[in-house]
N, C-alpha and C. Protein backbone atom coordinates (compact mmCIF):
# COMPACT_ATOMS: atom_id res chain seq x y z
N MET A 1 4.61 -12.06 20.02
CA MET A 1 6.03 -12.43 18.71
C MET A 1 6.87 -10.78 19.07
N LYS A 2 8.31 -10.98 18.93
CA LYS A 2 9.11 -9.36 19.21
C LYS A 2 8.85 -8.99 17.84
N PRO A 3 8.62 -7.59 17.80
CA PRO A 3 8.87 -6.65 16.55
C PRO A 3 10.20 -6.69 16.20
N TYR A 4 9.97 -6.56 14.69
CA TYR A 4 11.15 -6.27 13.92
C TYR A 4 11.83 -4.65 14.34
N TYR A 5 10.72 -3.88 14.19
CA TYR A 5 11.10 -2.57 14.54
C TYR A 5 10.31 -2.10 15.09
N GLU A 6 10.39 -0.85 16.25
CA GLU A 6 9.53 -0.13 17.43
C GLU A 6 10.14 1.23 17.47
N SER A 7 9.12 2.22 17.40
CA SER A 7 10.07 3.41 17.58
C SER A 7 8.81 4.42 17.19
N GLY A 8 8.54 5.41 17.93
CA GLY A 8 7.55 6.26 17.76
C GLY A 8 6.06 6.06 17.42
N GLY A 9 5.73 4.97 18.14
CA GLY A 9 4.59 4.49 17.57
C GLY A 9 4.14 3.73 16.38
N ILE A 10 5.13 3.35 15.63
CA ILE A 10 5.71 2.44 14.88
C ILE A 10 6.05 1.15 14.86
N THR A 11 5.28 0.28 14.64
CA THR A 11 6.21 -0.84 14.89
C THR A 11 6.09 -1.84 13.32
N ILE A 12 7.08 -2.69 13.05
CA ILE A 12 7.33 -3.55 11.90
C ILE A 12 7.36 -5.16 12.59
N TYR A 13 6.59 -6.17 12.20
CA TYR A 13 7.09 -7.06 12.16
C TYR A 13 7.09 -8.18 10.88
N HIS A 14 8.34 -8.96 11.85
CA HIS A 14 8.87 -9.95 9.95
C HIS A 14 8.18 -10.81 10.25
N GLY A 15 7.55 -11.41 9.25
CA GLY A 15 6.92 -12.50 9.82
C GLY A 15 5.52 -12.51 8.57
N ASP A 16 5.02 -14.10 8.36
CA ASP A 16 3.63 -14.32 7.77
C ASP A 16 2.35 -13.83 8.33
N CYS A 17 1.56 -12.56 7.63
CA CYS A 17 0.65 -11.93 7.98
C CYS A 17 -0.19 -12.67 8.88
N ARG A 18 -0.27 -13.86 8.47
CA ARG A 18 -1.34 -14.96 8.77
C ARG A 18 -1.22 -15.13 10.46
N GLU A 19 0.11 -15.17 10.21
CA GLU A 19 0.62 -15.85 11.40
C GLU A 19 0.92 -14.67 12.89
N VAL A 20 1.22 -13.32 12.18
CA VAL A 20 0.77 -12.15 13.26
C VAL A 20 -0.12 -11.29 13.27
N LEU A 21 -1.29 -11.38 12.33
CA LEU A 21 -2.33 -10.65 12.49
C LEU A 21 -3.13 -10.98 13.77
N PRO A 22 -3.16 -12.36 13.92
CA PRO A 22 -4.00 -12.54 15.86
C PRO A 22 -3.49 -11.95 16.71
N ASP A 23 -2.25 -11.29 16.62
CA ASP A 23 -1.34 -10.87 17.55
C ASP A 23 -1.65 -9.31 17.98
N VAL A 24 -1.98 -8.53 17.07
CA VAL A 24 -1.79 -7.26 16.49
C VAL A 24 -3.30 -6.31 16.69
N SER A 25 -3.51 -5.29 17.31
CA SER A 25 -4.72 -4.70 17.13
C SER A 25 -4.72 -3.01 16.28
N ALA A 26 -5.36 -3.14 15.60
CA ALA A 26 -5.45 -1.48 14.81
C ALA A 26 -6.66 -1.69 14.20
N ASP A 27 -6.77 -0.17 13.66
CA ASP A 27 -8.61 0.27 13.56
C ASP A 27 -8.95 0.45 12.03
N VAL A 28 -7.51 0.60 11.44
CA VAL A 28 -7.62 0.67 9.67
C VAL A 28 -6.84 0.19 9.04
N LEU A 29 -7.39 -0.41 7.81
CA LEU A 29 -6.59 -1.11 6.93
C LEU A 29 -6.01 -0.33 5.89
N VAL A 30 -4.71 0.05 5.73
CA VAL A 30 -4.63 0.72 4.19
C VAL A 30 -3.04 -0.56 3.77
N THR A 31 -3.53 -0.82 2.75
CA THR A 31 -2.12 -2.12 2.83
C THR A 31 -2.55 -2.41 0.66
N ASP A 32 -1.22 -2.70 0.37
CA ASP A 32 -1.02 -3.12 -1.41
C ASP A 32 -0.68 -4.58 -1.40
N PRO A 33 -1.65 -5.39 -1.12
CA PRO A 33 -1.04 -7.03 -1.20
C PRO A 33 -1.35 -7.32 -2.11
N PRO A 34 -0.43 -8.81 -2.77
CA PRO A 34 -0.53 -9.40 -3.93
C PRO A 34 -1.66 -8.99 -4.46
N TYR A 35 -1.64 -8.80 -5.62
CA TYR A 35 -3.12 -8.53 -6.69
C TYR A 35 -2.97 -10.21 -7.07
N GLY A 36 -2.62 -11.01 -6.91
CA GLY A 36 -3.04 -11.98 -7.18
C GLY A 36 -3.14 -12.72 -9.57
N ILE A 37 -1.46 -12.15 -9.86
CA ILE A 37 -1.54 -11.97 -11.21
C ILE A 37 0.13 -12.65 -11.11
N ALA A 38 0.25 -13.19 -10.48
CA ALA A 38 1.54 -13.62 -10.86
C ALA A 38 2.83 -12.79 -11.75
N HIS A 39 2.81 -11.76 -11.03
CA HIS A 39 3.55 -10.40 -11.59
C HIS A 39 5.31 -10.23 -11.85
N ALA A 40 6.00 -10.50 -12.46
CA ALA A 40 7.12 -10.11 -12.57
C ALA A 40 7.69 -9.06 -13.53
N SER A 41 8.32 -8.28 -13.18
CA SER A 41 8.68 -7.16 -14.50
C SER A 41 9.63 -7.67 -15.04
N ASN A 42 9.09 -7.26 -16.25
CA ASN A 42 10.59 -7.97 -17.81
C ASN A 42 11.05 -6.61 -18.72
N ARG A 43 11.27 -5.63 -17.68
CA ARG A 43 11.51 -4.18 -17.91
C ARG A 43 13.18 -4.88 -18.16
N GLN A 44 13.90 -4.18 -19.25
CA GLN A 44 15.15 -4.71 -19.07
C GLN A 44 15.69 -3.74 -18.52
N ASP A 45 15.25 -2.46 -17.87
CA ASP A 45 16.47 -1.86 -17.70
C ASP A 45 16.01 -1.83 -15.91
N SER A 46 15.29 -3.08 -15.28
CA SER A 46 14.28 -2.94 -14.17
C SER A 46 15.50 -3.39 -12.81
N ALA A 47 15.53 -3.09 -12.05
CA ALA A 47 16.48 -3.46 -10.79
C ALA A 47 15.73 -4.86 -10.46
N TRP A 48 14.40 -4.98 -10.72
CA TRP A 48 13.78 -6.08 -10.48
C TRP A 48 13.30 -7.19 -11.41
N ARG A 49 14.21 -6.68 -12.52
CA ARG A 49 13.62 -8.14 -13.55
C ARG A 49 13.74 -9.25 -13.51
N ASN A 50 12.10 -10.33 -13.82
CA ASN A 50 11.95 -11.10 -13.45
C ASN A 50 11.88 -11.32 -12.03
N GLU A 51 11.86 -10.89 -11.21
CA GLU A 51 11.26 -10.88 -9.47
C GLU A 51 9.96 -11.22 -9.44
N VAL A 52 9.78 -12.21 -9.21
CA VAL A 52 8.12 -12.58 -8.97
C VAL A 52 7.86 -11.92 -7.47
N ILE A 53 6.82 -11.11 -7.24
CA ILE A 53 6.09 -10.84 -5.88
C ILE A 53 5.51 -12.05 -4.66
N ALA A 54 6.31 -12.28 -3.77
CA ALA A 54 5.56 -13.71 -3.09
C ALA A 54 4.39 -13.28 -3.06
N ASN A 55 3.59 -14.57 -2.70
CA ASN A 55 2.12 -15.06 -2.54
C ASN A 55 1.24 -14.68 -3.39
N ASP A 56 1.79 -13.85 -5.16
CA ASP A 56 1.26 -13.29 -6.13
C ASP A 56 0.13 -14.36 -7.23
N GLU A 57 0.62 -15.87 -6.58
CA GLU A 57 -0.49 -16.88 -7.52
C GLU A 57 -1.93 -16.30 -7.34
N SER A 58 -2.27 -15.85 -6.29
CA SER A 58 -3.47 -15.71 -6.56
C SER A 58 -4.38 -14.73 -5.56
N THR A 59 -5.86 -14.40 -5.39
CA THR A 59 -5.64 -13.45 -4.53
C THR A 59 -6.19 -14.05 -3.15
N SER A 60 -5.41 -14.78 -2.75
CA SER A 60 -5.79 -15.87 -1.49
C SER A 60 -5.84 -14.97 -0.18
N PHE A 61 -4.64 -14.49 -0.26
CA PHE A 61 -3.88 -13.60 0.69
C PHE A 61 -4.78 -12.62 0.93
N ARG A 62 -4.64 -12.21 -0.24
CA ARG A 62 -6.01 -10.44 0.18
C ARG A 62 -6.91 -10.61 0.93
N ASP A 63 -7.71 -11.75 0.27
CA ASP A 63 -8.67 -12.47 0.95
C ASP A 63 -8.61 -12.61 2.36
N TRP A 64 -8.31 -14.08 2.81
CA TRP A 64 -7.71 -14.08 4.12
C TRP A 64 -7.64 -13.16 4.89
N VAL A 65 -6.82 -11.77 4.17
CA VAL A 65 -6.86 -10.41 5.60
C VAL A 65 -8.02 -10.04 5.62
N LEU A 66 -9.18 -10.09 4.60
CA LEU A 66 -10.00 -8.67 4.42
C LEU A 66 -11.54 -9.13 4.83
N THR A 67 -11.46 -11.26 5.25
CA THR A 67 -12.20 -11.64 5.75
C THR A 67 -12.17 -11.94 7.30
N ARG A 68 -10.87 -11.72 7.75
CA ARG A 68 -10.50 -11.20 9.08
C ARG A 68 -10.83 -10.21 9.55
N TRP A 69 -10.53 -9.02 8.53
CA TRP A 69 -10.70 -7.81 9.12
C TRP A 69 -12.07 -7.53 9.27
N GLY A 70 -12.89 -7.80 8.64
CA GLY A 70 -14.57 -7.91 8.42
C GLY A 70 -14.55 -6.46 8.09
N ASP A 71 -16.15 -5.52 8.76
CA ASP A 71 -16.53 -4.48 7.62
C ASP A 71 -15.88 -3.25 8.67
N ARG A 72 -14.72 -3.49 8.96
CA ARG A 72 -13.90 -2.10 9.73
C ARG A 72 -13.49 -1.19 8.27
N PRO A 73 -12.88 -0.32 8.67
CA PRO A 73 -12.82 0.77 7.29
C PRO A 73 -11.21 0.19 7.03
N ALA A 74 -11.14 -0.05 5.36
CA ALA A 74 -9.88 -0.49 4.89
C ALA A 74 -9.87 0.47 3.42
N ILE A 75 -8.69 0.43 3.11
CA ILE A 75 -7.99 1.09 1.60
C ILE A 75 -7.05 0.03 1.26
N VAL A 76 -7.65 -0.87 -0.41
CA VAL A 76 -6.51 -1.67 -0.91
C VAL A 76 -6.35 -1.64 -2.40
N PHE A 77 -5.27 -1.52 -2.66
CA PHE A 77 -4.60 -1.46 -3.80
C PHE A 77 -5.07 -2.67 -4.19
N GLY A 78 -5.54 -2.38 -6.02
CA GLY A 78 -5.92 -3.95 -6.95
C GLY A 78 -5.89 -3.35 -8.06
N THR A 79 -6.38 -4.36 -8.72
CA THR A 79 -6.35 -4.40 -10.39
C THR A 79 -7.24 -5.10 -10.88
N TRP A 80 -8.10 -4.20 -11.55
CA TRP A 80 -9.45 -4.88 -12.78
C TRP A 80 -8.96 -6.49 -13.66
N LYS A 81 -7.60 -6.71 -13.38
CA LYS A 81 -7.51 -8.21 -13.81
C LYS A 81 -7.79 -9.23 -12.98
N VAL A 82 -8.55 -8.92 -11.81
CA VAL A 82 -8.85 -10.04 -10.85
C VAL A 82 -10.55 -9.37 -10.07
N ILE A 83 -11.11 -10.42 -9.43
CA ILE A 83 -12.09 -10.04 -8.98
C ILE A 83 -11.64 -9.06 -7.49
N ARG A 84 -12.54 -8.21 -7.58
CA ARG A 84 -12.50 -6.69 -6.78
C ARG A 84 -13.14 -7.96 -5.19
N PRO A 85 -12.47 -7.05 -4.56
CA PRO A 85 -12.85 -7.36 -2.87
C PRO A 85 -14.59 -6.91 -2.41
N LEU A 86 -14.62 -8.21 -2.12
CA LEU A 86 -16.20 -8.38 -1.86
C LEU A 86 -16.13 -7.05 -0.79
N LEU A 87 -17.69 -6.44 -0.68
CA LEU A 87 -17.80 -5.37 0.93
C LEU A 87 -17.34 -4.10 -0.23
N THR A 88 -16.94 -4.53 -1.35
CA THR A 88 -15.96 -2.96 -1.82
C THR A 88 -17.23 -1.85 -2.01
N ARG A 89 -16.75 -0.81 -1.53
CA ARG A 89 -17.91 0.48 -1.19
C ARG A 89 -17.59 1.36 -2.50
N ALA A 90 -16.52 1.43 -3.05
CA ALA A 90 -15.75 2.43 -4.21
C ALA A 90 -14.71 1.87 -4.18
N VAL A 91 -14.64 2.53 -5.52
CA VAL A 91 -13.02 2.01 -6.35
C VAL A 91 -12.43 3.42 -7.02
N LEU A 92 -11.58 3.76 -6.48
CA LEU A 92 -10.42 4.65 -6.90
C LEU A 92 -9.69 4.67 -7.92
N VAL A 93 -9.56 5.14 -8.98
CA VAL A 93 -8.58 4.58 -9.99
C VAL A 93 -7.19 5.87 -9.92
N TRP A 94 -6.25 4.98 -9.74
CA TRP A 94 -5.11 5.96 -9.60
C TRP A 94 -4.37 5.81 -10.90
N ASP A 95 -3.94 7.23 -11.55
CA ASP A 95 -3.42 7.01 -12.85
C ASP A 95 -1.74 7.37 -12.33
N LYS A 96 -1.86 6.14 -13.23
CA LYS A 96 0.06 6.50 -12.69
C LYS A 96 1.22 7.48 -13.48
N GLY A 97 0.35 8.20 -14.27
CA GLY A 97 0.91 8.93 -15.48
C GLY A 97 2.01 7.91 -16.21
N PRO A 98 2.39 9.22 -17.56
CA PRO A 98 3.63 8.72 -18.33
C PRO A 98 4.18 7.71 -18.33
N ALA A 99 4.92 7.68 -17.09
CA ALA A 99 6.30 6.98 -17.05
C ALA A 99 5.83 5.91 -16.52
N SER A 100 4.72 5.07 -16.25
CA SER A 100 4.62 3.69 -15.74
C SER A 100 4.65 2.74 -16.68
N GLY A 101 4.36 1.29 -16.31
CA GLY A 101 5.13 0.33 -17.26
C GLY A 101 4.57 0.22 -18.50
N MET A 102 5.75 -0.61 -19.24
CA MET A 102 5.34 -0.40 -20.74
C MET A 102 4.25 -1.44 -21.29
N GLY A 103 4.02 -2.92 -20.56
CA GLY A 103 3.00 -3.85 -20.77
C GLY A 103 2.78 -4.22 -21.81
N ASP A 104 1.85 -4.95 -22.59
CA ASP A 104 2.15 -5.56 -23.89
C ASP A 104 2.44 -4.44 -25.04
N LEU A 105 3.47 -5.02 -26.18
CA LEU A 105 3.97 -3.43 -26.30
C LEU A 105 2.74 -3.84 -28.11
N SER A 106 2.56 -4.92 -28.04
CA SER A 106 1.30 -5.27 -29.26
C SER A 106 0.13 -4.53 -28.95
N PHE A 107 -0.37 -4.18 -27.90
CA PHE A 107 -1.51 -3.15 -27.67
C PHE A 107 -1.29 -2.30 -27.93
N PRO A 108 -2.04 -1.37 -28.68
CA PRO A 108 -1.96 -0.31 -28.79
C PRO A 108 -2.48 0.94 -27.44
N TRP A 109 -3.38 0.46 -26.15
CA TRP A 109 -3.01 1.41 -25.28
C TRP A 109 -2.09 0.64 -24.18
N LYS A 110 -1.35 2.03 -23.33
CA LYS A 110 -0.84 1.71 -22.06
C LYS A 110 -1.22 1.56 -20.95
N ASN A 111 -0.94 0.09 -20.20
CA ASN A 111 -1.51 0.33 -18.85
C ASN A 111 -1.01 0.80 -17.81
N SER A 112 -1.79 2.12 -17.80
CA SER A 112 -0.81 3.42 -16.39
C SER A 112 -1.86 3.49 -15.50
N HIS A 113 -3.01 2.51 -15.02
CA HIS A 113 -3.47 2.79 -14.04
C HIS A 113 -3.81 1.38 -12.95
N GLU A 114 -3.97 1.76 -11.56
CA GLU A 114 -4.16 0.82 -11.21
C GLU A 114 -5.69 1.23 -10.24
N GLU A 115 -6.25 0.32 -9.22
CA GLU A 115 -6.88 0.64 -8.57
C GLU A 115 -7.12 0.59 -7.07
N ILE A 116 -7.66 1.61 -6.32
CA ILE A 116 -7.39 1.42 -4.78
C ILE A 116 -9.20 1.04 -4.17
N TYR A 117 -9.53 0.46 -3.83
CA TYR A 117 -10.67 -0.31 -2.90
C TYR A 117 -10.87 0.54 -1.78
N VAL A 118 -12.21 1.05 -1.42
CA VAL A 118 -12.47 1.71 -0.18
C VAL A 118 -13.60 0.31 0.18
N LEU A 119 -13.17 0.23 1.57
CA LEU A 119 -14.46 -0.25 2.23
C LEU A 119 -14.58 0.00 3.67
N GLY A 120 -15.64 -0.29 3.73
CA GLY A 120 -16.21 -0.07 5.35
C GLY A 120 -16.47 1.74 5.16
N ARG A 121 -16.23 2.18 6.61
CA ARG A 121 -17.26 3.59 6.93
C ARG A 121 -16.34 4.11 7.81
N GLY A 122 -16.66 5.22 7.93
CA GLY A 122 -15.70 6.41 8.82
C GLY A 122 -14.79 7.59 8.14
N PHE A 123 -14.55 7.17 6.90
CA PHE A 123 -13.68 8.66 6.36
C PHE A 123 -14.52 9.52 6.05
N GLU A 124 -13.47 10.65 6.65
CA GLU A 124 -13.70 11.94 6.95
C GLU A 124 -13.12 12.65 5.66
N GLY A 125 -13.72 14.24 5.68
CA GLY A 125 -12.66 15.04 5.16
C GLY A 125 -13.65 15.33 3.87
N HIS A 126 -13.66 16.81 3.07
CA HIS A 126 -14.18 17.44 2.34
C HIS A 126 -13.96 17.35 1.08
N ARG A 127 -14.92 17.32 0.19
CA ARG A 127 -14.10 16.97 -1.70
C ARG A 127 -13.28 17.72 -1.84
N GLY A 128 -12.84 18.95 -1.22
CA GLY A 128 -12.48 20.20 -1.90
C GLY A 128 -11.02 20.10 -1.43
N GLU A 129 -10.60 19.22 -0.49
CA GLU A 129 -9.23 19.74 0.49
C GLU A 129 -8.30 18.29 -0.33
N SER A 130 -6.81 18.64 0.03
CA SER A 130 -5.73 17.93 -0.12
C SER A 130 -5.66 17.79 -2.28
N VAL A 131 -4.58 17.44 -2.65
CA VAL A 131 -4.45 16.83 -3.38
C VAL A 131 -5.36 16.41 -4.03
N LEU A 132 -5.74 15.03 -3.18
CA LEU A 132 -6.80 14.40 -3.85
C LEU A 132 -7.89 15.15 -4.29
N LYS A 133 -8.38 16.02 -3.41
CA LYS A 133 -9.90 16.90 -3.89
C LYS A 133 -10.89 16.14 -3.71
N GLY A 134 -10.97 14.83 -3.14
CA GLY A 134 -11.74 13.97 -3.21
C GLY A 134 -12.75 12.79 -3.99
N TYR A 135 -11.53 13.73 -5.38
CA TYR A 135 -12.05 12.65 -6.55
C TYR A 135 -11.47 11.16 -6.67
N THR A 136 -12.38 10.85 -7.56
CA THR A 136 -11.96 9.18 -7.30
C THR A 136 -11.36 8.73 -8.60
N VAL A 137 -10.13 9.41 -9.48
CA VAL A 137 -9.51 9.58 -10.02
C VAL A 137 -8.38 10.64 -9.46
N VAL A 138 -7.31 9.24 -9.04
CA VAL A 138 -6.11 10.28 -8.23
C VAL A 138 -5.11 10.48 -9.53
N THR A 139 -3.77 11.14 -9.85
CA THR A 139 -2.74 11.02 -10.00
C THR A 139 -1.29 11.48 -9.51
N TRP A 140 -0.47 10.61 -9.84
CA TRP A 140 0.25 10.91 -9.07
C TRP A 140 1.57 9.77 -9.72
N ALA A 141 2.69 10.10 -10.13
CA ALA A 141 3.74 9.12 -10.73
C ALA A 141 4.04 8.50 -10.18
N SER A 142 4.25 7.04 -10.85
CA SER A 142 4.63 5.84 -9.94
C SER A 142 6.16 5.82 -9.49
N MET A 143 5.89 5.05 -8.52
CA MET A 143 7.39 4.89 -7.81
C MET A 143 8.11 3.49 -8.75
N GLY A 144 9.35 3.49 -7.40
CA GLY A 144 10.00 2.05 -7.26
C GLY A 144 11.39 1.96 -7.18
N ARG A 145 11.85 2.93 -6.27
CA ARG A 145 12.86 3.17 -5.99
C ARG A 145 13.42 2.02 -4.54
N CYS A 146 12.63 1.57 -3.92
CA CYS A 146 13.24 0.76 -3.00
C CYS A 146 12.13 -0.85 -3.13
N HIS A 147 11.15 -0.62 -3.70
CA HIS A 147 10.19 -1.74 -4.20
C HIS A 147 9.57 -1.47 -5.44
N PRO A 148 9.21 -3.52 -6.38
CA PRO A 148 9.17 -2.99 -7.30
C PRO A 148 7.51 -2.56 -7.43
N ASN A 149 6.67 -2.89 -6.48
CA ASN A 149 5.29 -2.38 -6.66
C ASN A 149 5.55 -0.65 -5.56
N GLU A 150 6.23 -0.50 -5.31
CA GLU A 150 6.27 0.94 -4.49
C GLU A 150 5.08 2.22 -4.68
N LYS A 151 4.50 2.19 -4.04
CA LYS A 151 3.21 3.54 -4.45
C LYS A 151 3.94 4.75 -4.07
N PRO A 152 3.75 5.81 -4.42
CA PRO A 152 3.96 7.28 -3.57
C PRO A 152 3.53 7.28 -2.61
N ILE A 153 4.48 8.13 -1.38
CA ILE A 153 4.22 8.35 -0.55
C ILE A 153 2.64 9.74 -0.06
N GLY A 154 3.39 10.70 -1.71
CA GLY A 154 1.93 11.37 -1.33
C GLY A 154 0.80 11.35 -1.23
N LEU A 155 0.61 9.88 -2.37
CA LEU A 155 -0.89 9.37 -2.30
C LEU A 155 -1.04 9.00 -1.23
N LEU A 156 -0.42 7.59 -0.76
CA LEU A 156 -0.46 7.57 0.66
C LEU A 156 -1.39 8.60 1.98
N VAL A 157 0.21 9.85 2.03
CA VAL A 157 -0.82 10.53 2.89
C VAL A 157 -2.01 11.34 2.44
N ASP A 158 -2.43 11.46 1.54
CA ASP A 158 -3.63 11.68 0.90
C ASP A 158 -4.72 10.79 0.97
N LEU A 159 -4.47 9.42 1.27
CA LEU A 159 -5.23 8.62 1.65
C LEU A 159 -5.44 8.11 2.90
N ILE A 160 -4.65 8.28 3.77
CA ILE A 160 -4.35 8.14 4.82
C ILE A 160 -5.39 9.01 5.60
N THR A 161 -5.19 10.83 5.29
CA THR A 161 -5.81 11.87 5.51
C THR A 161 -6.89 11.73 5.97
N LYS A 162 -7.76 10.74 4.89
CA LYS A 162 -9.06 10.93 4.66
C LYS A 162 -9.98 9.64 5.57
N CYS A 163 -8.84 9.37 6.38
CA CYS A 163 -9.01 7.56 7.13
C CYS A 163 -9.84 7.68 8.67
N PRO A 164 -10.47 7.20 9.09
CA PRO A 164 -10.86 7.41 10.78
C PRO A 164 -9.59 7.78 11.17
N PRO A 165 -9.64 7.90 12.75
CA PRO A 165 -8.62 8.31 13.27
C PRO A 165 -8.27 6.54 13.74
N GLY A 166 -7.23 6.78 14.75
CA GLY A 166 -6.84 5.14 15.27
C GLY A 166 -5.41 4.51 14.27
N THR A 167 -5.05 3.37 14.57
CA THR A 167 -3.45 2.98 14.25
C THR A 167 -4.24 2.27 12.46
N ILE A 168 -3.25 2.62 12.47
CA ILE A 168 -3.06 1.90 10.68
C ILE A 168 -2.07 0.44 10.69
N LEU A 169 -2.92 -0.67 9.89
CA LEU A 169 -2.26 -1.53 10.17
C LEU A 169 -2.27 -1.38 8.24
N ASP A 170 -0.87 -2.42 8.08
CA ASP A 170 -0.39 -2.75 6.35
C ASP A 170 -0.01 -3.84 6.89
N PRO A 171 -0.68 -4.80 6.22
CA PRO A 171 -0.04 -6.43 6.59
C PRO A 171 0.56 -7.22 5.48
N PHE A 172 1.05 -6.70 4.26
CA PHE A 172 1.60 -5.95 3.49
C PHE A 172 2.57 -5.41 3.41
N MET A 173 3.67 -4.63 4.30
CA MET A 173 3.97 -3.41 4.17
C MET A 173 4.83 -3.45 3.01
N GLY A 174 5.49 -4.29 2.45
CA GLY A 174 6.60 -3.73 1.23
C GLY A 174 7.79 -3.13 1.88
N SER A 175 8.33 -1.74 1.66
CA SER A 175 9.00 -0.93 1.58
C SER A 175 8.97 -0.06 2.63
N GLY A 176 8.02 -0.18 3.25
CA GLY A 176 6.85 0.74 4.01
C GLY A 176 6.57 1.67 4.08
N THR A 177 6.29 2.26 2.44
CA THR A 177 5.81 3.62 2.41
C THR A 177 4.53 3.93 2.91
N THR A 178 3.15 3.17 3.06
CA THR A 178 2.09 3.10 4.37
C THR A 178 2.71 3.62 5.62
N LEU A 179 4.06 3.00 6.50
CA LEU A 179 4.13 3.00 7.34
C LEU A 179 4.86 4.81 7.60
N ARG A 180 5.59 4.75 6.51
CA ARG A 180 6.28 6.34 6.28
C ARG A 180 4.89 7.05 6.44
N ALA A 181 4.22 7.47 6.00
CA ALA A 181 3.53 8.09 5.57
C ALA A 181 2.50 8.83 6.51
N ALA A 182 2.37 7.60 7.64
CA ALA A 182 1.59 7.42 8.75
C ALA A 182 2.46 8.37 9.62
N LYS A 183 3.69 7.49 9.33
CA LYS A 183 4.78 8.78 10.81
C LYS A 183 4.48 10.38 10.13
N ASP A 184 4.40 10.11 8.73
CA ASP A 184 4.48 11.46 8.96
C ASP A 184 2.79 12.18 9.25
N LEU A 185 1.90 11.47 8.89
CA LEU A 185 0.82 12.83 9.93
C LEU A 185 0.44 12.53 10.77
N GLY A 186 1.78 11.91 12.08
CA GLY A 186 1.50 11.19 13.14
C GLY A 186 0.70 10.28 13.70
N ARG A 187 0.22 8.92 12.71
CA ARG A 187 -0.20 8.32 13.16
C ARG A 187 0.32 6.71 13.85
N LYS A 188 -0.62 6.32 14.96
CA LYS A 188 0.21 5.14 14.58
C LYS A 188 -0.14 3.93 13.79
N ALA A 189 1.27 3.09 13.63
CA ALA A 189 0.90 2.29 12.24
C ALA A 189 1.88 0.99 13.17
N ILE A 190 1.23 -0.14 12.41
CA ILE A 190 1.54 -1.63 12.22
C ILE A 190 1.99 -2.24 11.14
N GLY A 191 3.56 -2.48 11.04
CA GLY A 191 3.26 -2.86 9.47
C GLY A 191 3.99 -4.60 9.62
N ILE A 192 3.62 -5.38 8.57
CA ILE A 192 3.94 -7.04 8.82
C ILE A 192 4.29 -7.09 7.59
N GLU A 193 5.83 -7.80 6.79
CA GLU A 193 6.49 -8.18 5.83
C GLU A 193 7.03 -9.47 6.05
N ILE A 194 6.78 -10.35 5.11
CA ILE A 194 7.55 -11.57 5.14
C ILE A 194 8.60 -11.76 4.54
N GLU A 195 9.31 -10.58 3.83
CA GLU A 195 10.35 -10.94 3.18
C GLU A 195 11.54 -9.88 4.14
N GLU A 196 12.15 -9.93 4.76
CA GLU A 196 13.39 -9.42 6.02
C GLU A 196 13.96 -8.24 4.91
N ARG A 197 14.40 -8.32 3.78
CA ARG A 197 15.45 -7.36 3.15
C ARG A 197 14.53 -6.06 3.15
N TYR A 198 13.02 -6.48 2.83
CA TYR A 198 11.86 -5.22 3.12
C TYR A 198 11.33 -4.61 4.31
N CYS A 199 11.72 -5.39 5.53
CA CYS A 199 11.54 -4.81 6.81
C CYS A 199 13.23 -4.14 6.63
N GLU A 200 14.17 -4.33 6.69
CA GLU A 200 15.61 -3.77 6.94
C GLU A 200 15.31 -2.26 6.09
N ILE A 201 14.80 -2.23 4.92
CA ILE A 201 14.47 -1.27 4.28
C ILE A 201 13.61 -0.17 4.97
N ALA A 202 12.45 -0.68 5.22
CA ALA A 202 11.47 -0.03 5.83
C ALA A 202 11.87 0.60 7.33
N ALA A 203 13.00 0.22 8.31
CA ALA A 203 12.87 0.60 9.39
C ALA A 203 14.02 1.72 9.02
N LYS A 204 14.84 1.50 7.83
CA LYS A 204 16.30 2.45 7.56
C LYS A 204 14.86 3.75 7.11
N ARG A 205 13.89 4.07 6.34
CA ARG A 205 13.19 4.80 5.85
C ARG A 205 12.22 5.36 7.24
N LEU A 206 11.73 4.15 8.30
CA LEU A 206 11.06 5.60 9.22
C LEU A 206 12.12 5.81 10.21
N SER A 207 13.94 5.49 10.02
CA SER A 207 14.18 6.26 11.19
C SER A 207 14.91 7.50 10.67
N GLN A 208 14.24 8.21 9.42
CA GLN A 208 14.43 9.41 9.48
C GLN A 208 14.03 9.96 10.08
N GLU A 209 13.82 11.38 10.09
CA GLU A 209 12.92 12.54 10.98
C GLU A 209 11.84 12.42 10.18
N VAL A 210 10.58 13.32 10.28
CA VAL A 210 9.50 13.37 9.84
C VAL A 210 9.69 14.76 9.13
N LEU A 211 9.36 14.44 7.26
CA LEU A 211 9.52 15.67 6.52
C LEU A 211 8.84 16.27 6.58
N PRO A 212 8.85 17.51 5.88
CA PRO A 212 7.87 18.54 5.54
C PRO A 212 6.32 17.65 4.63
N MET A 213 5.41 18.51 4.77
CA MET A 213 4.22 17.53 4.11
C MET A 213 4.80 17.74 2.38
N GLY A 214 4.32 16.57 1.45
CA GLY A 214 4.85 17.08 0.10
C GLY A 214 6.59 16.78 -0.72
N VAL A 215 7.20 16.42 0.86
CA VAL A 215 8.71 16.07 0.15
C VAL A 215 9.06 14.67 0.58
N PRO A 216 8.78 13.85 -0.55
CA PRO A 216 9.45 12.20 -0.69
C PRO A 216 10.33 11.84 0.64
N ALA A 217 10.31 10.43 1.07
CA ALA A 217 11.49 10.13 1.48
C ALA A 217 12.05 9.64 1.29
N ALA A 218 13.37 9.19 1.54
CA ALA A 218 14.25 8.31 0.45
C ALA A 218 14.10 7.13 0.51
């Protein structure tokens, strides 16, 4: 398959990850798959109001990728609302801060966190390093400028910093935050995205020069 974008060790493929994955090779999986909760934002001020995430009806896409990936190192975003991936070694809690989504207003606790699953072995670094500091509860303000479920680039930078060496793979690339973080760290990366509009956004983000660490990409 011909890449949608390829430059400086970063490659994007536009297509269904189930069709593309057999033809790519990578060492570490870092991805934010469909959670399996049929999510659609109902916020009045959201640019993505009532927009449904592709293949979010179940965890079948997430589980297909992880089954094929096997016991190699992986970092996978998710939610407590569905069954965690098999072979999960640890669970990090991403505290999204006070600006996160409203959720059910009849419930007296605001939903302000998501889970990050760590699978496989080979992760590196000391517990006192980086903004994460090796804690299993990490705090980064929620994002949403390019994609309804966009993650903070600083969070992805810190996660990838602790990953084993080699090429990063994100088969649910979205607007390309994982690839942008990998580029900022000088890592090779491959992204796959089923929606072409997000491939275009990701390619534009990746065309920017590498930014000083800690500065968000536009």
